[in-house]
Amino acid sequence: WSETKAGLNFTSTESSVVFNNIDTIVGHDFFWSVKMDNVVADAGA
């Protein structure tokens, strides 16, 4: 399973992104991952 939420805007130091309605079966051992693309921020971010 994979899903992208595009064009998110963050203004807080502590942020979260929620993905719903996944409905995918995983086994006892599995991996989850995170990726951030098209990041627009100042040089010191």
All heavy atoms as atom14 arrays in JSON, in Angstrom:
{
  "sequence": "WSETKAGLNFTSTESSVVFNNIDTIVGHDFFWSVKMDNVVADAGA",
  "atom14_mask": [
    [1, 1, 1, 1, 1, 1, 1, 1, 1, 1, 1, 1, 1, 1],
    [1, 1, 1, 1, 1, 1, 0, 0, 0, 0, 0, 0, 0, 0],
    [1, 1, 1, 1, 1, 1, 1, 1, 1, 0, 0, 0, 0, 0],
    [1, 1, 1, 1, 1, 1, 1, 0, 0, 0, 0, 0, 0, 0],
    [1, 1, 1, 1, 1, 1, 1, 1, 1, 0, 0, 0, 0, 0],
    [1, 1, 1, 1, 1, 0, 0, 0, 0, 0, 0, 0, 0, 0],
    [1, 1, 1, 1, 0, 0, 0, 0, 0, 0, 0, 0, 0, 0],
    [1, 1, 1, 1, 1, 1, 1, 1, 0, 0, 0, 0, 0, 0],
    [1, 1, 1, 1, 1, 1, 1, 1, 0, 0, 0, 0, 0, 0],
    [1, 1, 1, 1, 1, 1, 1, 1, 1, 1, 1, 0, 0, 0],
    [1, 1, 1, 1, 1, 1, 1, 0, 0, 0, 0, 0, 0, 0],
    [1, 1, 1, 1, 1, 1, 0, 0, 0, 0, 0, 0, 0, 0],
    [1, 1, 1, 1, 1, 1, 1, 0, 0, 0, 0, 0, 0, 0],
    [1, 1, 1, 1, 1, 1, 1, 1, 1, 0, 0, 0, 0, 0],
    [1, 1, 1, 1, 1, 1, 0, 0, 0, 0, 0, 0, 0, 0],
    [1, 1, 1, 1, 1, 1, 0, 0, 0, 0, 0, 0, 0, 0],
    [1, 1, 1, 1, 1, 1, 1, 0, 0, 0, 0, 0, 0, 0],
    [1, 1, 1, 1, 1, 1, 1, 0, 0, 0, 0, 0, 0, 0],
    [1, 1, 1, 1, 1, 1, 1, 1, 1, 1, 1, 0, 0, 0],
    [1, 1, 1, 1, 1, 1, 1, 1, 0, 0, 0, 0, 0, 0],
    [1, 1, 1, 1, 1, 1, 1, 1, 0, 0, 0, 0, 0, 0],
    [1, 1, 1, 1, 1, 1, 1, 1, 0, 0, 0, 0, 0, 0],
    [1, 1, 1, 1, 1, 1, 1, 1, 0, 0, 0, 0, 0, 0],
    [1, 1, 1, 1, 1, 1, 1, 0, 0, 0, 0, 0, 0, 0],
    [1, 1, 1, 1, 1, 1, 1, 1, 0, 0, 0, 0, 0, 0],
    [1, 1, 1, 1, 1, 1, 1, 0, 0, 0, 0, 0, 0, 0],
    [1, 1, 1, 1, 0, 0, 0, 0, 0, 0, 0, 0, 0, 0],
    [1, 1, 1, 1, 1, 1, 1, 1, 1, 1, 0, 0, 0, 0],
    [1, 1, 1, 1, 1, 1, 1, 1, 0, 0, 0, 0, 0, 0],
    [1, 1, 1, 1, 1, 1, 1, 1, 1, 1, 1, 0, 0, 0],
    [1, 1, 1, 1, 1, 1, 1, 1, 1, 1, 1, 0, 0, 0],
    [1, 1, 1, 1, 1, 1, 1, 1, 1, 1, 1, 1, 1, 1],
    [1, 1, 1, 1, 1, 1, 0, 0, 0, 0, 0, 0, 0, 0],
    [1, 1, 1, 1, 1, 1, 1, 0, 0, 0, 0, 0, 0, 0],
    [1, 1, 1, 1, 1, 1, 1, 1, 1, 0, 0, 0, 0, 0],
    [1, 1, 1, 1, 1, 1, 1, 1, 0, 0, 0, 0, 0, 0],
    [1, 1, 1, 1, 1, 1, 1, 1, 0, 0, 0, 0, 0, 0],
    [1, 1, 1, 1, 1, 1, 1, 1, 0, 0, 0, 0, 0, 0],
    [1, 1, 1, 1, 1, 1, 1, 0, 0, 0, 0, 0, 0, 0],
    [1, 1, 1, 1, 1, 1, 1, 0, 0, 0, 0, 0, 0, 0],
    [1, 1, 1, 1, 1, 0, 0, 0, 0, 0, 0, 0, 0, 0],
    [1, 1, 1, 1, 1, 1, 1, 1, 0, 0, 0, 0, 0, 0],
    [1, 1, 1, 1, 1, 0, 0, 0, 0, 0, 0, 0, 0, 0],
    [1, 1, 1, 1, 0, 0, 0, 0, 0, 0, 0, 0, 0, 0],
    [1, 1, 1, 1, 1, 0, 0, 0, 0, 0, 0, 0, 0, 0]
  ],
  "atom14_positions": [
    [[0.86, -1.19, 0.0], [0.0, 0.0, 0.0], [0.89, 1.24, 0.0], [1.95, 1.25, 0.64], [-0.91, 0.01, 1.22], [-1.58, 1.33, 1.47], [-2.74, 1.8, 0.91], [-1.09, 2.38, 2.32], [-3.0, 3.07, 1.36], [-2.02, 3.44, 2.22], [0.03, 2.52, 3.13], [-1.85, 4.64, 2.93], [0.21, 3.7, 3.83], [-0.74, 4.74, 3.74]],
    [[0.45, 2.26, -0.71], [1.16, 3.53, -0.7], [0.17, 4.64, -1.02], [-0.73, 4.46, -1.85], [2.3, 3.53, -1.73], [2.95, 4.78, -1.75], [0.0, 0.0, 0.0], [0.0, 0.0, 0.0], [0.0, 0.0, 0.0], [0.0, 0.0, 0.0], [0.0, 0.0, 0.0], [0.0, 0.0, 0.0], [0.0, 0.0, 0.0], [0.0, 0.0, 0.0]],
    [[0.34, 5.78, -0.37], [-0.52, 6.93, -0.64], [0.26, 8.21, -0.43], [1.08, 8.31, 0.5], [-1.75, 6.92, 0.26], [-2.73, 8.06, -0.01], [-3.97, 8.0, 0.85], [-4.28, 6.93, 1.42], [-4.65, 9.04, 0.95], [0.0, 0.0, 0.0], [0.0, 0.0, 0.0], [0.0, 0.0, 0.0], [0.0, 0.0, 0.0], [0.0, 0.0, 0.0]],
    [[0.03, 9.18, -1.3], [0.69, 10.48, -1.2], [-0.35, 11.56, -0.93], [-1.38, 11.62, -1.59], [1.45, 10.82, -2.5], [2.44, 9.83, -2.73], [2.11, 12.18, -2.39], [0.0, 0.0, 0.0], [0.0, 0.0, 0.0], [0.0, 0.0, 0.0], [0.0, 0.0, 0.0], [0.0, 0.0, 0.0], [0.0, 0.0, 0.0], [0.0, 0.0, 0.0]],
    [[-0.05, 12.42, 0.04], [-0.85, 13.62, 0.28], [-0.01, 14.79, -0.2], [1.04, 15.11, 0.37], [-1.22, 13.74, 1.75], [-2.2, 12.66, 2.22], [-2.65, 12.89, 3.64], [-3.66, 11.84, 4.08], [-4.96, 11.98, 3.41], [0.0, 0.0, 0.0], [0.0, 0.0, 0.0], [0.0, 0.0, 0.0], [0.0, 0.0, 0.0], [0.0, 0.0, 0.0]],
    [[-0.45, 15.41, -1.29], [0.34, 16.43, -1.97], [-0.02, 17.84, -1.51], [-1.16, 18.11, -1.1], [0.13, 16.31, -3.48], [0.0, 0.0, 0.0], [0.0, 0.0, 0.0], [0.0, 0.0, 0.0], [0.0, 0.0, 0.0], [0.0, 0.0, 0.0], [0.0, 0.0, 0.0], [0.0, 0.0, 0.0], [0.0, 0.0, 0.0], [0.0, 0.0, 0.0]],
    [[0.97, 18.72, -1.57], [0.75, 20.13, -1.3], [0.39, 20.47, 0.13], [-0.35, 21.42, 0.37], [0.0, 0.0, 0.0], [0.0, 0.0, 0.0], [0.0, 0.0, 0.0], [0.0, 0.0, 0.0], [0.0, 0.0, 0.0], [0.0, 0.0, 0.0], [0.0, 0.0, 0.0], [0.0, 0.0, 0.0], [0.0, 0.0, 0.0], [0.0, 0.0, 0.0]],
    [[0.91, 19.72, 1.09], [0.61, 20.01, 2.49], [1.41, 21.21, 2.96], [2.55, 21.42, 2.55], [0.95, 18.79, 3.37], [0.21, 17.49, 3.07], [0.63, 16.41, 4.05], [-1.3, 17.7, 3.13], [0.0, 0.0, 0.0], [0.0, 0.0, 0.0], [0.0, 0.0, 0.0], [0.0, 0.0, 0.0], [0.0, 0.0, 0.0], [0.0, 0.0, 0.0]],
    [[0.82, 22.0, 3.84], [1.48, 23.16, 4.41], [1.63, 22.96, 5.9], [0.67, 22.65, 6.6], [0.68, 24.44, 4.12], [1.3, 25.66, 4.77], [0.85, 26.12, 5.81], [2.36, 26.18, 4.16], [0.0, 0.0, 0.0], [0.0, 0.0, 0.0], [0.0, 0.0, 0.0], [0.0, 0.0, 0.0], [0.0, 0.0, 0.0], [0.0, 0.0, 0.0]],
    [[2.86, 23.13, 6.39], [3.15, 22.94, 7.81], [3.61, 24.26, 8.42], [4.49, 24.93, 7.88], [4.25, 21.9, 7.99], [3.91, 20.54, 7.43], [4.38, 20.17, 6.18], [3.13, 19.65, 8.14], [4.08, 18.91, 5.66], [2.81, 18.41, 7.62], [3.29, 18.04, 6.37], [0.0, 0.0, 0.0], [0.0, 0.0, 0.0], [0.0, 0.0, 0.0]],
    [[3.02, 24.61, 9.57], [3.41, 25.82, 10.27], [3.77, 25.55, 11.73], [4.08, 26.47, 12.46], [2.27, 26.85, 10.24], [1.09, 26.28, 10.83], [1.97, 27.28, 8.82], [0.0, 0.0, 0.0], [0.0, 0.0, 0.0], [0.0, 0.0, 0.0], [0.0, 0.0, 0.0], [0.0, 0.0, 0.0], [0.0, 0.0, 0.0], [0.0, 0.0, 0.0]],
    [[3.73, 24.29, 12.13], [4.0, 23.92, 13.52], [5.22, 23.02, 13.6], [5.49, 22.22, 12.7], [2.79, 23.19, 14.13], [3.11, 22.65, 15.39], [0.0, 0.0, 0.0], [0.0, 0.0, 0.0], [0.0, 0.0, 0.0], [0.0, 0.0, 0.0], [0.0, 0.0, 0.0], [0.0, 0.0, 0.0], [0.0, 0.0, 0.0], [0.0, 0.0, 0.0]],
    [[5.97, 23.14, 14.68], [7.13, 22.27, 14.89], [6.7, 20.82, 15.02], [7.36, 19.91, 14.5], [7.89, 22.7, 16.15], [8.31, 24.05, 15.99], [9.1, 21.81, 16.39], [0.0, 0.0, 0.0], [0.0, 0.0, 0.0], [0.0, 0.0, 0.0], [0.0, 0.0, 0.0], [0.0, 0.0, 0.0], [0.0, 0.0, 0.0], [0.0, 0.0, 0.0]],
    [[5.61, 20.57, 15.71], [5.12, 19.22, 15.93], [3.94, 18.98, 14.99], [2.86, 19.52, 15.2], [4.71, 19.02, 17.38], [5.84, 19.3, 18.37], [5.39, 19.19, 19.81], [4.49, 18.39, 20.08], [5.94, 19.91, 20.65], [0.0, 0.0, 0.0], [0.0, 0.0, 0.0], [0.0, 0.0, 0.0], [0.0, 0.0, 0.0], [0.0, 0.0, 0.0]],
    [[4.16, 18.18, 13.96], [3.16, 17.98, 12.93], [2.85, 16.5, 12.78], [3.64, 15.63, 13.14], [3.66, 18.52, 11.58], [4.06, 19.87, 11.69], [0.0, 0.0, 0.0], [0.0, 0.0, 0.0], [0.0, 0.0, 0.0], [0.0, 0.0, 0.0], [0.0, 0.0, 0.0], [0.0, 0.0, 0.0], [0.0, 0.0, 0.0], [0.0, 0.0, 0.0]],
    [[1.7, 16.19, 12.21], [1.38, 14.81, 11.87], [0.51, 14.79, 10.62], [-0.16, 15.78, 10.31], [0.68, 14.09, 13.02], [-0.65, 14.54, 13.19], [0.0, 0.0, 0.0], [0.0, 0.0, 0.0], [0.0, 0.0, 0.0], [0.0, 0.0, 0.0], [0.0, 0.0, 0.0], [0.0, 0.0, 0.0], [0.0, 0.0, 0.0], [0.0, 0.0, 0.0]],
    [[0.58, 13.68, 9.89], [-0.21, 13.47, 8.69], [-0.93, 12.14, 8.85], [-0.3, 11.12, 9.15], [0.67, 13.44, 7.43], [-0.18, 13.2, 6.19], [1.46, 14.73, 7.3], [0.0, 0.0, 0.0], [0.0, 0.0, 0.0], [0.0, 0.0, 0.0], [0.0, 0.0, 0.0], [0.0, 0.0, 0.0], [0.0, 0.0, 0.0], [0.0, 0.0, 0.0]],
    [[-2.26, 12.13, 8.66], [-3.07, 10.94, 8.88], [-3.53, 10.36, 7.54], [-4.02, 11.09, 6.67], [-4.3, 11.26, 9.75], [-5.15, 10.01, 9.95], [-3.85, 11.83, 11.11], [0.0, 0.0, 0.0], [0.0, 0.0, 0.0], [0.0, 0.0, 0.0], [0.0, 0.0, 0.0], [0.0, 0.0, 0.0], [0.0, 0.0, 0.0], [0.0, 0.0, 0.0]],
    [[-3.36, 9.05, 7.38], [-3.85, 8.32, 6.21], [-4.95, 7.38, 6.7], [-4.74, 6.59, 7.62], [-2.72, 7.52, 5.56], [-1.61, 8.38, 5.01], [-0.6, 8.85, 5.84], [-1.59, 8.74, 3.68], [0.42, 9.66, 5.35], [-0.58, 9.55, 3.17], [0.43, 10.01, 4.01], [0.0, 0.0, 0.0], [0.0, 0.0, 0.0], [0.0, 0.0, 0.0]],
    [[-6.12, 7.44, 6.06], [-7.29, 6.66, 6.49], [-7.7, 5.66, 5.42], [-7.26, 5.73, 4.27], [-8.48, 7.58, 6.77], [-8.19, 8.61, 7.84], [-8.17, 9.8, 7.57], [-7.96, 8.17, 9.06], [0.0, 0.0, 0.0], [0.0, 0.0, 0.0], [0.0, 0.0, 0.0], [0.0, 0.0, 0.0], [0.0, 0.0, 0.0], [0.0, 0.0, 0.0]],
    [[-8.57, 4.72, 5.84], [-9.19, 3.77, 4.91], [-8.16, 2.98, 4.1], [-8.29, 2.8, 2.89], [-10.16, 4.49, 3.96], [-11.22, 5.27, 4.7], [-11.83, 4.77, 5.64], [-11.43, 6.52, 4.29], [0.0, 0.0, 0.0], [0.0, 0.0, 0.0], [0.0, 0.0, 0.0], [0.0, 0.0, 0.0], [0.0, 0.0, 0.0], [0.0, 0.0, 0.0]],
    [[-7.13, 2.49, 4.79], [-6.06, 1.75, 4.12], [-6.51, 0.33, 3.78], [-6.33, -0.14, 2.66], [-4.8, 1.74, 5.01], [-4.3, 3.18, 5.2], [-3.73, 0.87, 4.4], [-3.18, 3.31, 6.21], [0.0, 0.0, 0.0], [0.0, 0.0, 0.0], [0.0, 0.0, 0.0], [0.0, 0.0, 0.0], [0.0, 0.0, 0.0], [0.0, 0.0, 0.0]],
    [[-7.05, -0.39, 4.78], [-7.61, -1.74, 4.58], [-6.64, -2.67, 3.84], [-6.98, -3.27, 2.82], [-8.94, -1.66, 3.82], [-10.01, -0.95, 4.63], [-9.97, -1.07, 5.88], [-10.85, -0.26, 4.04], [0.0, 0.0, 0.0], [0.0, 0.0, 0.0], [0.0, 0.0, 0.0], [0.0, 0.0, 0.0], [0.0, 0.0, 0.0], [0.0, 0.0, 0.0]],
    [[-5.44, -2.79, 4.37], [-4.41, -3.65, 3.8], [-3.89, -4.6, 4.87], [-3.6, -4.19, 5.99], [-3.24, -2.79, 3.25], [-3.73, -1.99, 2.18], [-2.11, -3.66, 2.75], [0.0, 0.0, 0.0], [0.0, 0.0, 0.0], [0.0, 0.0, 0.0], [0.0, 0.0, 0.0], [0.0, 0.0, 0.0], [0.0, 0.0, 0.0], [0.0, 0.0, 0.0]],
    [[-3.76, -5.87, 4.51], [-3.32, -6.9, 5.46], [-1.8, -6.94, 5.52], [-1.13, -6.95, 4.48], [-3.89, -8.27, 5.07], [-5.41, -8.26, 5.21], [-3.3, -9.38, 5.94], [-6.08, -9.53, 4.74], [0.0, 0.0, 0.0], [0.0, 0.0, 0.0], [0.0, 0.0, 0.0], [0.0, 0.0, 0.0], [0.0, 0.0, 0.0], [0.0, 0.0, 0.0]],
    [[-1.27, -6.96, 6.74], [0.17, -7.11, 6.97], [0.39, -8.33, 7.86], [-0.51, -8.75, 8.59], [0.78, -5.86, 7.63], [0.67, -4.65, 6.7], [0.12, -5.57, 8.98], [0.0, 0.0, 0.0], [0.0, 0.0, 0.0], [0.0, 0.0, 0.0], [0.0, 0.0, 0.0], [0.0, 0.0, 0.0], [0.0, 0.0, 0.0], [0.0, 0.0, 0.0]],
    [[1.59, -8.9, 7.8], [1.92, -10.03, 8.63], [2.47, -9.63, 9.98], [2.49, -8.43, 10.34], [0.0, 0.0, 0.0], [0.0, 0.0, 0.0], [0.0, 0.0, 0.0], [0.0, 0.0, 0.0], [0.0, 0.0, 0.0], [0.0, 0.0, 0.0], [0.0, 0.0, 0.0], [0.0, 0.0, 0.0], [0.0, 0.0, 0.0], [0.0, 0.0, 0.0]],
    [[2.94, -10.6, 10.73], [3.54, -10.35, 12.04], [4.7, -9.37, 11.95], [4.88, -8.51, 12.8], [4.0, -11.68, 12.65], [4.82, -11.54, 13.89], [4.29, -11.15, 15.09], [6.16, -11.71, 14.1], [5.25, -11.1, 16.01], [6.38, -11.43, 15.43], [0.0, 0.0, 0.0], [0.0, 0.0, 0.0], [0.0, 0.0, 0.0], [0.0, 0.0, 0.0]],
    [[5.52, -9.51, 10.9], [6.64, -8.61, 10.65], [6.38, -7.84, 9.36], [6.11, -8.43, 8.32], [7.95, -9.39, 10.54], [8.31, -10.12, 11.82], [8.37, -9.47, 12.87], [8.5, -11.34, 11.75], [0.0, 0.0, 0.0], [0.0, 0.0, 0.0], [0.0, 0.0, 0.0], [0.0, 0.0, 0.0], [0.0, 0.0, 0.0], [0.0, 0.0, 0.0]],
    [[6.48, -6.52, 9.43], [6.33, -5.71, 8.23], [7.08, -4.4, 8.4], [7.68, -4.13, 9.44], [4.84, -5.46, 7.91], [4.11, -4.59, 8.91], [3.96, -3.23, 8.69], [3.55, -5.14, 10.05], [3.27, -2.43, 9.6], [2.86, -4.35, 10.96], [2.73, -2.99, 10.74], [0.0, 0.0, 0.0], [0.0, 0.0, 0.0], [0.0, 0.0, 0.0]],
    [[7.1, -3.59, 7.34], [7.73, -2.28, 7.38], [6.72, -1.21, 6.98], [5.86, -1.45, 6.15], [8.9, -2.2, 6.38], [10.12, -2.97, 6.8], [10.23, -4.32, 6.51], [11.16, -2.34, 7.46], [11.36, -5.04, 6.88], [12.29, -3.05, 7.83], [12.4, -4.39, 7.54], [0.0, 0.0, 0.0], [0.0, 0.0, 0.0], [0.0, 0.0, 0.0]],
    [[6.85, -0.05, 7.59], [6.13, 1.14, 7.13], [7.2, 2.16, 6.74], [8.34, 2.09, 7.18], [5.22, 1.7, 8.21], [5.93, 2.27, 9.39], [6.37, 1.6, 10.51], [6.33, 3.63, 9.57], [7.01, 2.47, 11.36], [7.01, 3.72, 10.81], [6.18, 4.78, 8.8], [7.52, 4.91, 11.3], [6.7, 5.98, 9.29], [7.36, 6.02, 10.53]],
    [[6.83, 3.09, 5.88], [7.83, 4.06, 5.44], [7.23, 5.45, 5.31], [6.0, 5.62, 5.26], [8.44, 3.63, 4.1], [7.5, 3.79, 3.04], [0.0, 0.0, 0.0], [0.0, 0.0, 0.0], [0.0, 0.0, 0.0], [0.0, 0.0, 0.0], [0.0, 0.0, 0.0], [0.0, 0.0, 0.0], [0.0, 0.0, 0.0], [0.0, 0.0, 0.0]],
    [[8.11, 6.44, 5.24], [7.72, 7.84, 5.08], [8.67, 8.49, 4.08], [9.87, 8.19, 4.04], [7.74, 8.59, 6.43], [9.08, 8.48, 7.12], [7.36, 10.06, 6.24], [0.0, 0.0, 0.0], [0.0, 0.0, 0.0], [0.0, 0.0, 0.0], [0.0, 0.0, 0.0], [0.0, 0.0, 0.0], [0.0, 0.0, 0.0], [0.0, 0.0, 0.0]],
    [[8.13, 9.39, 3.25], [8.93, 10.13, 2.28], [8.34, 11.52, 2.12], [7.12, 11.68, 2.11], [8.92, 9.4, 0.93], [9.72, 10.09, -0.16], [9.83, 9.23, -1.42], [8.51, 9.01, -2.08], [8.64, 8.4, -3.43], [0.0, 0.0, 0.0], [0.0, 0.0, 0.0], [0.0, 0.0, 0.0], [0.0, 0.0, 0.0], [0.0, 0.0, 0.0]],
    [[9.21, 12.53, 2.02], [8.77, 13.91, 1.81], [9.39, 14.42, 0.52], [10.62, 14.42, 0.36], [9.16, 14.79, 3.0], [8.47, 14.37, 4.3], [8.96, 15.35, 5.75], [8.18, 16.93, 5.38], [0.0, 0.0, 0.0], [0.0, 0.0, 0.0], [0.0, 0.0, 0.0], [0.0, 0.0, 0.0], [0.0, 0.0, 0.0], [0.0, 0.0, 0.0]],
    [[8.54, 14.8, -0.44], [8.98, 15.3, -1.74], [8.58, 16.76, -1.92], [7.7, 17.26, -1.21], [8.33, 14.49, -2.87], [8.89, 13.09, -2.98], [10.08, 12.95, -3.29], [8.12, 12.13, -2.75], [0.0, 0.0, 0.0], [0.0, 0.0, 0.0], [0.0, 0.0, 0.0], [0.0, 0.0, 0.0], [0.0, 0.0, 0.0], [0.0, 0.0, 0.0]],
    [[9.21, 17.4, -2.91], [8.83, 18.76, -3.3], [8.76, 19.7, -2.1], [7.81, 20.46, -1.92], [7.5, 18.76, -4.04], [7.54, 17.9, -5.3], [8.52, 17.94, -6.04], [6.49, 17.12, -5.52], [0.0, 0.0, 0.0], [0.0, 0.0, 0.0], [0.0, 0.0, 0.0], [0.0, 0.0, 0.0], [0.0, 0.0, 0.0], [0.0, 0.0, 0.0]],
    [[9.79, 19.6, -1.25], [9.84, 20.41, -0.03], [10.25, 21.84, -0.38], [11.25, 22.08, -1.05], [10.83, 19.82, 0.98], [10.89, 20.68, 2.24], [10.45, 18.39, 1.32], [0.0, 0.0, 0.0], [0.0, 0.0, 0.0], [0.0, 0.0, 0.0], [0.0, 0.0, 0.0], [0.0, 0.0, 0.0], [0.0, 0.0, 0.0], [0.0, 0.0, 0.0]],
    [[9.42, 22.8, 0.06], [9.71, 24.22, -0.15], [9.82, 24.87, 1.23], [8.83, 24.98, 1.95], [8.62, 24.9, -0.99], [8.93, 26.39, -1.15], [8.49, 24.22, -2.34], [0.0, 0.0, 0.0], [0.0, 0.0, 0.0], [0.0, 0.0, 0.0], [0.0, 0.0, 0.0], [0.0, 0.0, 0.0], [0.0, 0.0, 0.0], [0.0, 0.0, 0.0]],
    [[11.03, 25.29, 1.59], [11.26, 25.88, 2.91], [12.52, 26.72, 2.84], [13.31, 26.62, 1.9], [11.4, 24.78, 3.96], [0.0, 0.0, 0.0], [0.0, 0.0, 0.0], [0.0, 0.0, 0.0], [0.0, 0.0, 0.0], [0.0, 0.0, 0.0], [0.0, 0.0, 0.0], [0.0, 0.0, 0.0], [0.0, 0.0, 0.0], [0.0, 0.0, 0.0]],
    [[12.74, 27.56, 3.86], [13.96, 28.35, 3.88], [15.16, 27.47, 4.19], [15.02, 26.32, 4.64], [13.83, 29.48, 4.9], [13.72, 28.97, 6.32], [14.76, 28.78, 6.97], [12.58, 28.73, 6.77], [0.0, 0.0, 0.0], [0.0, 0.0, 0.0], [0.0, 0.0, 0.0], [0.0, 0.0, 0.0], [0.0, 0.0, 0.0], [0.0, 0.0, 0.0]],
    [[16.35, 28.01, 3.96], [17.58, 27.22, 4.08], [17.81, 26.69, 5.49], [18.46, 25.68, 5.68], [18.77, 28.05, 3.63], [0.0, 0.0, 0.0], [0.0, 0.0, 0.0], [0.0, 0.0, 0.0], [0.0, 0.0, 0.0], [0.0, 0.0, 0.0], [0.0, 0.0, 0.0], [0.0, 0.0, 0.0], [0.0, 0.0, 0.0], [0.0, 0.0, 0.0]],
    [[17.27, 27.36, 6.5], [17.5, 26.93, 7.87], [16.4, 26.06, 8.44], [16.38, 25.8, 9.64], [0.0, 0.0, 0.0], [0.0, 0.0, 0.0], [0.0, 0.0, 0.0], [0.0, 0.0, 0.0], [0.0, 0.0, 0.0], [0.0, 0.0, 0.0], [0.0, 0.0, 0.0], [0.0, 0.0, 0.0], [0.0, 0.0, 0.0], [0.0, 0.0, 0.0]],
    [[15.5, 25.58, 7.6], [14.35, 24.81, 8.09], [14.78, 23.45, 8.61], [15.77, 22.86, 8.17], [13.34, 24.64, 6.98], [0.0, 0.0, 0.0], [0.0, 0.0, 0.0], [0.0, 0.0, 0.0], [0.0, 0.0, 0.0], [0.0, 0.0, 0.0], [0.0, 0.0, 0.0], [0.0, 0.0, 0.0], [0.0, 0.0, 0.0], [0.0, 0.0, 0.0]]
  ]
}
